[in-house]
Amino acid sequence: MKDMILDYIRNEYLDEDEAADIDLNENTPLISGGIVDSFSMVSLKRFLEKKFVISIPDAEASPAAFDTVTSIMALVNRHQAKKGA
């Protein structure tokens, strides 16, 4: 899951020069680091919902929840668990 999300962010939100300059990993600040903005966060939310067949309520799609890949994975895991319950 981590690599899939990192690849999506790399391909969708970074150009080649940025990708070379940024050490993108699961703890890189995405929102607070300026990699993902509010518009990009919406497309990232849609990607996650489609890829993992979950529904993330808008109230939970906060900058804090989307600031790192680690926090994104926690959000996805919570909703996958809810779906399976």
PDB file of N, CA and C in Angstrom:
ATOM      1  N   MET A   1       0.824  -1.189   0.000  1.00  0.00           N
ATOM      2  CA  MET A   1       0.000   0.000   0.000  1.00  0.00           C
ATOM      3  C   MET A   1       0.874   1.262   0.000  1.00  0.00           C
ATOM      4  N   LYS A   2       1.912   1.262   0.849  1.00  0.00           N
ATOM      5  CA  LYS A   2       2.795   2.421   0.954  1.00  0.00           C
ATOM      6  C   LYS A   2       3.387   2.780  -0.397  1.00  0.00           C
ATOM      7  N   ASP A   3       3.955   1.797  -1.091  1.00  0.00           N
ATOM      8  CA  ASP A   3       4.593   2.070  -2.380  1.00  0.00           C
ATOM      9  C   ASP A   3       3.591   2.551  -3.423  1.00  0.00           C
ATOM     10  N   MET A   4       2.391   2.006  -3.403  1.00  0.00           N
ATOM     11  CA  MET A   4       1.360   2.415  -4.354  1.00  0.00           C
ATOM     12  C   MET A   4       0.992   3.891  -4.147  1.00  0.00           C
ATOM     13  N   ILE A   5       0.836   4.292  -2.902  1.00  0.00           N
ATOM     14  CA  ILE A   5       0.487   5.684  -2.595  1.00  0.00           C
ATOM     15  C   ILE A   5       1.657   6.604  -2.939  1.00  0.00           C
ATOM     16  N   LEU A   6       2.865   6.207  -2.581  1.00  0.00           N
ATOM     17  CA  LEU A   6       4.041   7.019  -2.913  1.00  0.00           C
ATOM     18  C   LEU A   6       4.187   7.185  -4.422  1.00  0.00           C
ATOM     19  N   ASP A   7       3.990   6.114  -5.172  1.00  0.00           N
ATOM     20  CA  ASP A   7       4.077   6.192  -6.638  1.00  0.00           C
ATOM     21  C   ASP A   7       3.026   7.137  -7.201  1.00  0.00           C
ATOM     22  N   TYR A   8       1.817   7.062  -6.677  1.00  0.00           N
ATOM     23  CA  TYR A   8       0.747   7.944  -7.144  1.00  0.00           C
ATOM     24  C   TYR A   8       1.132   9.403  -6.895  1.00  0.00           C
ATOM     25  N   ILE A   9       1.596   9.706  -5.713  1.00  0.00           N
ATOM     26  CA  ILE A   9       1.986  11.082  -5.370  1.00  0.00           C
ATOM     27  C   ILE A   9       3.133  11.545  -6.262  1.00  0.00           C
ATOM     28  N   ARG A  10       4.132  10.693  -6.432  1.00  0.00           N
ATOM     29  CA  ARG A  10       5.277  11.018  -7.288  1.00  0.00           C
ATOM     30  C   ARG A  10       4.825  11.329  -8.713  1.00  0.00           C
ATOM     31  N   ASN A  11       3.960  10.486  -9.255  1.00  0.00           N
ATOM     32  CA  ASN A  11       3.529  10.627 -10.644  1.00  0.00           C
ATOM     33  C   ASN A  11       2.536  11.762 -10.865  1.00  0.00           C
ATOM     34  N   GLU A  12       1.685  12.019  -9.898  1.00  0.00           N
ATOM     35  CA  GLU A  12       0.620  13.010 -10.070  1.00  0.00           C
ATOM     36  C   GLU A  12       1.003  14.421  -9.636  1.00  0.00           C
ATOM     37  N   TYR A  13       1.836  14.546  -8.608  1.00  0.00           N
ATOM     38  CA  TYR A  13       2.041  15.860  -7.999  1.00  0.00           C
ATOM     39  C   TYR A  13       3.461  16.409  -8.086  1.00  0.00           C
ATOM     40  N   LEU A  14       4.405  15.614  -8.542  1.00  0.00           N
ATOM     41  CA  LEU A  14       5.784  16.090  -8.645  1.00  0.00           C
ATOM     42  C   LEU A  14       6.242  16.051 -10.093  1.00  0.00           C
ATOM     43  N   ASP A  15       6.900  17.122 -10.532  1.00  0.00           N
ATOM     44  CA  ASP A  15       7.516  17.036 -11.856  1.00  0.00           C
ATOM     45  C   ASP A  15       8.892  16.400 -11.683  1.00  0.00           C
ATOM     46  N   GLU A  16       9.567  16.134 -12.773  1.00  0.00           N
ATOM     47  CA  GLU A  16      10.838  15.387 -12.693  1.00  0.00           C
ATOM     48  C   GLU A  16      11.871  16.085 -11.826  1.00  0.00           C
ATOM     49  N   ASP A  17      11.965  17.424 -11.924  1.00  0.00           N
ATOM     50  CA  ASP A  17      12.943  18.157 -11.119  1.00  0.00           C
ATOM     51  C   ASP A  17      12.621  18.063  -9.631  1.00  0.00           C
ATOM     52  N   GLU A  18      11.344  18.221  -9.296  1.00  0.00           N
ATOM     53  CA  GLU A  18      10.940  18.121  -7.893  1.00  0.00           C
ATOM     54  C   GLU A  18      11.188  16.720  -7.355  1.00  0.00           C
ATOM     55  N   ALA A  19      10.857  15.723  -8.149  1.00  0.00           N
ATOM     56  CA  ALA A  19      11.026  14.334  -7.723  1.00  0.00           C
ATOM     57  C   ALA A  19      12.483  14.033  -7.401  1.00  0.00           C
ATOM     58  N   ALA A  20      13.392  14.634  -8.162  1.00  0.00           N
ATOM     59  CA  ALA A  20      14.814  14.406  -7.918  1.00  0.00           C
ATOM     60  C   ALA A  20      15.285  15.111  -6.649  1.00  0.00           C
ATOM     61  N   ASP A  21      14.642  16.244  -6.319  1.00  0.00           N
ATOM     62  CA  ASP A  21      15.077  17.049  -5.170  1.00  0.00           C
ATOM     63  C   ASP A  21      14.441  16.639  -3.846  1.00  0.00           C
ATOM     64  N   ILE A  22      13.312  15.951  -3.901  1.00  0.00           N
ATOM     65  CA  ILE A  22      12.571  15.606  -2.686  1.00  0.00           C
ATOM     66  C   ILE A  22      12.763  14.135  -2.352  1.00  0.00           C
ATOM     67  N   ASP A  23      13.147  13.894  -1.100  1.00  0.00           N
ATOM     68  CA  ASP A  23      13.250  12.519  -0.619  1.00  0.00           C
ATOM     69  C   ASP A  23      11.859  12.111  -0.121  1.00  0.00           C
ATOM     70  N   LEU A  24      11.047  11.624  -1.050  1.00  0.00           N
ATOM     71  CA  LEU A  24       9.667  11.278  -0.725  1.00  0.00           C
ATOM     72  C   LEU A  24       9.621   9.908  -0.061  1.00  0.00           C
ATOM     73  N   ASN A  25       9.128   9.881   1.180  1.00  0.00           N
ATOM     74  CA  ASN A  25       8.946   8.617   1.889  1.00  0.00           C
ATOM     75  C   ASN A  25       7.657   8.698   2.693  1.00  0.00           C
ATOM     76  N   GLU A  26       7.376   7.683   3.479  1.00  0.00           N
ATOM     77  CA  GLU A  26       6.089   7.618   4.184  1.00  0.00           C
ATOM     78  C   GLU A  26       5.915   8.705   5.241  1.00  0.00           C
ATOM     79  N   ASN A  27       6.998   9.391   5.617  1.00  0.00           N
ATOM     80  CA  ASN A  27       6.902  10.441   6.633  1.00  0.00           C
ATOM     81  C   ASN A  27       7.124  11.844   6.083  1.00  0.00           C
ATOM     82  N   THR A  28       7.282  11.981   4.778  1.00  0.00           N
ATOM     83  CA  THR A  28       7.445  13.295   4.155  1.00  0.00           C
ATOM     84  C   THR A  28       6.160  14.099   4.316  1.00  0.00           C
ATOM     85  N   PRO A  29       6.253  15.341   4.828  1.00  0.00           N
ATOM     86  CA  PRO A  29       5.048  16.173   4.943  1.00  0.00           C
ATOM     87  C   PRO A  29       4.504  16.521   3.555  1.00  0.00           C
ATOM     88  N   LEU A  30       3.294  16.102   3.272  1.00  0.00           N
ATOM     89  CA  LEU A  30       2.710  16.333   1.950  1.00  0.00           C
ATOM     90  C   LEU A  30       1.949  17.650   1.881  1.00  0.00           C
ATOM     91  N   ILE A  31       1.046  17.865   2.820  1.00  0.00           N
ATOM     92  CA  ILE A  31       0.255  19.092   2.839  1.00  0.00           C
ATOM     93  C   ILE A  31       1.115  20.233   3.378  1.00  0.00           C
ATOM     94  N   SER A  32       1.655  20.055   4.576  1.00  0.00           N
ATOM     95  CA  SER A  32       2.450  21.120   5.190  1.00  0.00           C
ATOM     96  C   SER A  32       3.759  21.361   4.435  1.00  0.00           C
ATOM     97  N   GLY A  33       4.189  20.378   3.638  1.00  0.00           N
ATOM     98  CA  GLY A  33       5.402  20.536   2.834  1.00  0.00           C
ATOM     99  C   GLY A  33       5.131  21.115   1.451  1.00  0.00           C
ATOM    100  N   GLY A  34       3.859  21.354   1.133  1.00  0.00           N
ATOM    101  CA  GLY A  34       3.514  21.982  -0.138  1.00  0.00           C
ATOM    102  C   GLY A  34       3.480  21.050  -1.342  1.00  0.00           C
ATOM    103  N   ILE A  35       3.559  19.748  -1.123  1.00  0.00           N
ATOM    104  CA  ILE A  35       3.524  18.789  -2.229  1.00  0.00           C
ATOM    105  C   ILE A  35       2.079  18.583  -2.695  1.00  0.00           C
ATOM    106  N   VAL A  36       1.169  18.477  -1.733  1.00  0.00           N
ATOM    107  CA  VAL A  36      -0.248  18.268  -2.024  1.00  0.00           C
ATOM    108  C   VAL A  36      -1.018  19.486  -1.524  1.00  0.00           C
ATOM    109  N   ASP A  37      -1.828  20.094  -2.408  1.00  0.00           N
ATOM    110  CA  ASP A  37      -2.678  21.208  -1.996  1.00  0.00           C
ATOM    111  C   ASP A  37      -4.113  20.704  -1.827  1.00  0.00           C
ATOM    112  N   SER A  38      -5.024  21.599  -1.529  1.00  0.00           N
ATOM    113  CA  SER A  38      -6.396  21.160  -1.246  1.00  0.00           C
ATOM    114  C   SER A  38      -7.063  20.515  -2.460  1.00  0.00           C
ATOM    115  N   PHE A  39      -6.801  21.022  -3.653  1.00  0.00           N
ATOM    116  CA  PHE A  39      -7.369  20.415  -4.860  1.00  0.00           C
ATOM    117  C   PHE A  39      -6.783  19.023  -5.076  1.00  0.00           C
ATOM    118  N   SER A  40      -5.481  18.899  -4.905  1.00  0.00           N
ATOM    119  CA  SER A  40      -4.810  17.603  -5.066  1.00  0.00           C
ATOM    120  C   SER A  40      -5.285  16.599  -4.022  1.00  0.00           C
ATOM    121  N   MET A  41      -5.601  17.104  -2.840  1.00  0.00           N
ATOM    122  CA  MET A  41      -6.073  16.220  -1.779  1.00  0.00           C
ATOM    123  C   MET A  41      -7.385  15.551  -2.186  1.00  0.00           C
ATOM    124  N   VAL A  42      -8.247  16.278  -2.901  1.00  0.00           N
ATOM    125  CA  VAL A  42      -9.511  15.716  -3.363  1.00  0.00           C
ATOM    126  C   VAL A  42      -9.250  14.591  -4.366  1.00  0.00           C
ATOM    127  N   SER A  43      -8.319  14.806  -5.298  1.00  0.00           N
ATOM    128  CA  SER A  43      -8.020  13.747  -6.273  1.00  0.00           C
ATOM    129  C   SER A  43      -7.337  12.556  -5.604  1.00  0.00           C
ATOM    130  N   LEU A  44      -6.516  12.808  -4.601  1.00  0.00           N
ATOM    131  CA  LEU A  44      -5.878  11.722  -3.851  1.00  0.00           C
ATOM    132  C   LEU A  44      -6.945  10.922  -3.095  1.00  0.00           C
ATOM    133  N   LYS A  45      -7.909  11.601  -2.509  1.00  0.00           N
ATOM    134  CA  LYS A  45      -9.008  10.931  -1.804  1.00  0.00           C
ATOM    135  C   LYS A  45      -9.775  10.024  -2.775  1.00  0.00           C
ATOM    136  N   ARG A  46     -10.083  10.532  -3.958  1.00  0.00           N
ATOM    137  CA  ARG A  46     -10.802   9.724  -4.959  1.00  0.00           C
ATOM    138  C   ARG A  46      -9.976   8.504  -5.371  1.00  0.00           C
ATOM    139  N   PHE A  47      -8.670   8.702  -5.577  1.00  0.00           N
ATOM    140  CA  PHE A  47      -7.782   7.585  -5.923  1.00  0.00           C
ATOM    141  C   PHE A  47      -7.845   6.510  -4.844  1.00  0.00           C
ATOM    142  N   LEU A  48      -7.735   6.908  -3.593  1.00  0.00           N
ATOM    143  CA  LEU A  48      -7.759   5.946  -2.480  1.00  0.00           C
ATOM    144  C   LEU A  48      -9.095   5.208  -2.413  1.00  0.00           C
ATOM    145  N   GLU A  49     -10.181   5.940  -2.585  1.00  0.00           N
ATOM    146  CA  GLU A  49     -11.502   5.317  -2.524  1.00  0.00           C
ATOM    147  C   GLU A  49     -11.683   4.291  -3.639  1.00  0.00           C
ATOM    148  N   LYS A  50     -11.225   4.614  -4.833  1.00  0.00           N
ATOM    149  CA  LYS A  50     -11.348   3.670  -5.952  1.00  0.00           C
ATOM    150  C   LYS A  50     -10.408   2.483  -5.788  1.00  0.00           C
ATOM    151  N   LYS A  51      -9.166   2.769  -5.445  1.00  0.00           N
ATOM    152  CA  LYS A  51      -8.144   1.719  -5.379  1.00  0.00           C
ATOM    153  C   LYS A  51      -8.443   0.714  -4.269  1.00  0.00           C
ATOM    154  N   PHE A  52      -8.919   1.217  -3.124  1.00  0.00           N
ATOM    155  CA  PHE A  52      -9.122   0.344  -1.965  1.00  0.00           C
ATOM    156  C   PHE A  52     -10.594   0.049  -1.700  1.00  0.00           C
ATOM    157  N   VAL A  53     -11.460   0.494  -2.597  1.00  0.00           N
ATOM    158  CA  VAL A  53     -12.905   0.250  -2.517  1.00  0.00           C
ATOM    159  C   VAL A  53     -13.439   0.608  -1.130  1.00  0.00           C
ATOM    160  N   ILE A  54     -13.199   1.859  -0.763  1.00  0.00           N
ATOM    161  CA  ILE A  54     -13.660   2.385   0.528  1.00  0.00           C
ATOM    162  C   ILE A  54     -14.340   3.728   0.279  1.00  0.00           C
ATOM    163  N   SER A  55     -14.970   4.247   1.302  1.00  0.00           N
ATOM    164  CA  SER A  55     -15.553   5.578   1.252  1.00  0.00           C
ATOM    165  C   SER A  55     -15.009   6.367   2.433  1.00  0.00           C
ATOM    166  N   ILE A  56     -14.355   7.491   2.127  1.00  0.00           N
ATOM    167  CA  ILE A  56     -13.781   8.341   3.174  1.00  0.00           C
ATOM    168  C   ILE A  56     -14.693   9.561   3.318  1.00  0.00           C
ATOM    169  N   PRO A  57     -15.367   9.708   4.466  1.00  0.00           N
ATOM    170  CA  PRO A  57     -16.227  10.874   4.661  1.00  0.00           C
ATOM    171  C   PRO A  57     -15.407  12.167   4.562  1.00  0.00           C
ATOM    172  N   ASP A  58     -16.028  13.204   3.988  1.00  0.00           N
ATOM    173  CA  ASP A  58     -15.330  14.480   3.848  1.00  0.00           C
ATOM    174  C   ASP A  58     -14.811  14.996   5.185  1.00  0.00           C
ATOM    175  N   ALA A  59     -15.548  14.747   6.250  1.00  0.00           N
ATOM    176  CA  ALA A  59     -15.132  15.207   7.580  1.00  0.00           C
ATOM    177  C   ALA A  59     -13.800  14.592   8.014  1.00  0.00           C
ATOM    178  N   GLU A  60     -13.472  13.417   7.475  1.00  0.00           N
ATOM    179  CA  GLU A  60     -12.212  12.752   7.830  1.00  0.00           C
ATOM    180  C   GLU A  60     -11.092  13.056   6.838  1.00  0.00           C
ATOM    181  N   ALA A  61     -11.432  13.720   5.745  1.00  0.00           N
ATOM    182  CA  ALA A  61     -10.428  14.063   4.730  1.00  0.00           C
ATOM    183  C   ALA A  61      -9.799  15.406   5.090  1.00  0.00           C
ATOM    184  N   SER A  62      -9.097  15.408   6.195  1.00  0.00           N
ATOM    185  CA  SER A  62      -8.495  16.637   6.716  1.00  0.00           C
ATOM    186  C   SER A  62      -7.031  16.735   6.294  1.00  0.00           C
ATOM    187  N   PRO A  63      -6.483  17.950   6.336  1.00  0.00           N
ATOM    188  CA  PRO A  63      -5.056  18.085   6.041  1.00  0.00           C
ATOM    189  C   PRO A  63      -4.184  17.205   6.943  1.00  0.00           C
ATOM    190  N   ALA A  64      -4.568  17.058   8.197  1.00  0.00           N
ATOM    191  CA  ALA A  64      -3.788  16.208   9.109  1.00  0.00           C
ATOM    192  C   ALA A  64      -3.815  14.756   8.654  1.00  0.00           C
ATOM    193  N   ALA A  65      -4.981  14.287   8.198  1.00  0.00           N
ATOM    194  CA  ALA A  65      -5.118  12.892   7.766  1.00  0.00           C
ATOM    195  C   ALA A  65      -4.348  12.611   6.479  1.00  0.00           C
ATOM    196  N   PHE A  66      -4.104  13.656   5.691  1.00  0.00           N
ATOM    197  CA  PHE A  66      -3.424  13.487   4.401  1.00  0.00           C
ATOM    198  C   PHE A  66      -2.014  14.067   4.405  1.00  0.00           C
ATOM    199  N   ASP A  67      -1.458  14.386   5.564  1.00  0.00           N
ATOM    200  CA  ASP A  67      -0.157  15.060   5.589  1.00  0.00           C
ATOM    201  C   ASP A  67       1.020  14.138   5.351  1.00  0.00           C
ATOM    202  N   THR A  68       0.889  12.868   5.669  1.00  0.00           N
ATOM    203  CA  THR A  68       1.972  11.915   5.381  1.00  0.00           C
ATOM    204  C   THR A  68       1.356  10.631   4.842  1.00  0.00           C
ATOM    205  N   VAL A  69       2.160   9.846   4.169  1.00  0.00           N
ATOM    206  CA  VAL A  69       1.676   8.559   3.673  1.00  0.00           C
ATOM    207  C   VAL A  69       1.332   7.660   4.863  1.00  0.00           C
ATOM    208  N   THR A  70       2.049   7.794   5.946  1.00  0.00           N
ATOM    209  CA  THR A  70       1.745   7.020   7.153  1.00  0.00           C
ATOM    210  C   THR A  70       0.337   7.329   7.653  1.00  0.00           C
ATOM    211  N   SER A  71      -0.021   8.621   7.714  1.00  0.00           N
ATOM    212  CA  SER A  71      -1.367   8.983   8.180  1.00  0.00           C
ATOM    213  C   SER A  71      -2.428   8.580   7.159  1.00  0.00           C
ATOM    214  N   ILE A  72      -2.098   8.632   5.879  1.00  0.00           N
ATOM    215  CA  ILE A  72      -3.025   8.190   4.832  1.00  0.00           C
ATOM    216  C   ILE A  72      -3.285   6.691   4.960  1.00  0.00           C
ATOM    217  N   MET A  73      -2.218   5.907   5.184  1.00  0.00           N
ATOM    218  CA  MET A  73      -2.387   4.456   5.339  1.00  0.00           C
ATOM    219  C   MET A  73      -3.252   4.134   6.551  1.00  0.00           C
ATOM    220  N   ALA A  74      -3.097   4.883   7.641  1.00  0.00           N
ATOM    221  CA  ALA A  74      -3.917   4.666   8.834  1.00  0.00           C
ATOM    222  C   ALA A  74      -5.379   4.943   8.513  1.00  0.00           C
ATOM    223  N   LEU A  75      -5.637   6.003   7.762  1.00  0.00           N
ATOM    224  CA  LEU A  75      -7.003   6.341   7.356  1.00  0.00           C
ATOM    225  C   LEU A  75      -7.600   5.230   6.488  1.00  0.00           C
ATOM    226  N   VAL A  76      -6.855   4.774   5.508  1.00  0.00           N
ATOM    227  CA  VAL A  76      -7.324   3.696   4.623  1.00  0.00           C
ATOM    228  C   VAL A  76      -7.577   2.427   5.427  1.00  0.00           C
ATOM    229  N   ASN A  77      -6.648   2.071   6.299  1.00  0.00           N
ATOM    230  CA  ASN A  77      -6.801   0.856   7.109  1.00  0.00           C
ATOM    231  C   ASN A  77      -8.051   0.916   7.989  1.00  0.00           C
ATOM    232  N   ARG A  78      -8.333   2.083   8.577  1.00  0.00           N
ATOM    233  CA  ARG A  78      -9.541   2.242   9.403  1.00  0.00           C
ATOM    234  C   ARG A  78     -10.796   1.975   8.581  1.00  0.00           C
ATOM    235  N   HIS A  79     -10.825   2.512   7.356  1.00  0.00           N
ATOM    236  CA  HIS A  79     -12.019   2.355   6.541  1.00  0.00           C
ATOM    237  C   HIS A  79     -12.124   0.963   5.925  1.00  0.00           C
ATOM    238  N   GLN A  80     -11.005   0.323   5.703  1.00  0.00           N
ATOM    239  CA  GLN A  80     -11.057  -1.074   5.247  1.00  0.00           C
ATOM    240  C   GLN A  80     -11.592  -1.953   6.379  1.00  0.00           C
ATOM    241  N   ALA A  81     -11.181  -1.673   7.610  1.00  0.00           N
ATOM    242  CA  ALA A  81     -11.657  -2.444   8.759  1.00  0.00           C
ATOM    243  C   ALA A  81     -13.155  -2.237   8.950  1.00  0.00           C
ATOM    244  N   LYS A  82     -13.631  -0.998   8.776  1.00  0.00           N
ATOM    245  CA  LYS A  82     -15.056  -0.701   8.903  1.00  0.00           C
ATOM    246  C   LYS A  82     -15.852  -1.463   7.840  1.00  0.00           C
ATOM    247  N   LYS A  83     -15.286  -1.504   6.636  1.00  0.00           N
ATOM    248  CA  LYS A  83     -15.956  -2.174   5.528  1.00  0.00           C
ATOM    249  C   LYS A  83     -16.092  -3.674   5.801  1.00  0.00           C
ATOM    250  N   GLY A  84     -15.067  -4.234   6.420  1.00  0.00           N
ATOM    251  CA  GLY A  84     -15.074  -5.670   6.699  1.00  0.00           C
ATOM    252  C   GLY A  84     -15.896  -6.057   7.919  1.00  0.00           C
ATOM    253  N   ALA A  85     -16.219  -5.060   8.725  1.00  0.00           N
ATOM    254  CA  ALA A  85     -16.961  -5.351   9.981  1.00  0.00           C
ATOM    255  C   ALA A  85     -18.420  -5.646   9.733  1.00  0.00           C
TER     256      ALA A  85
END
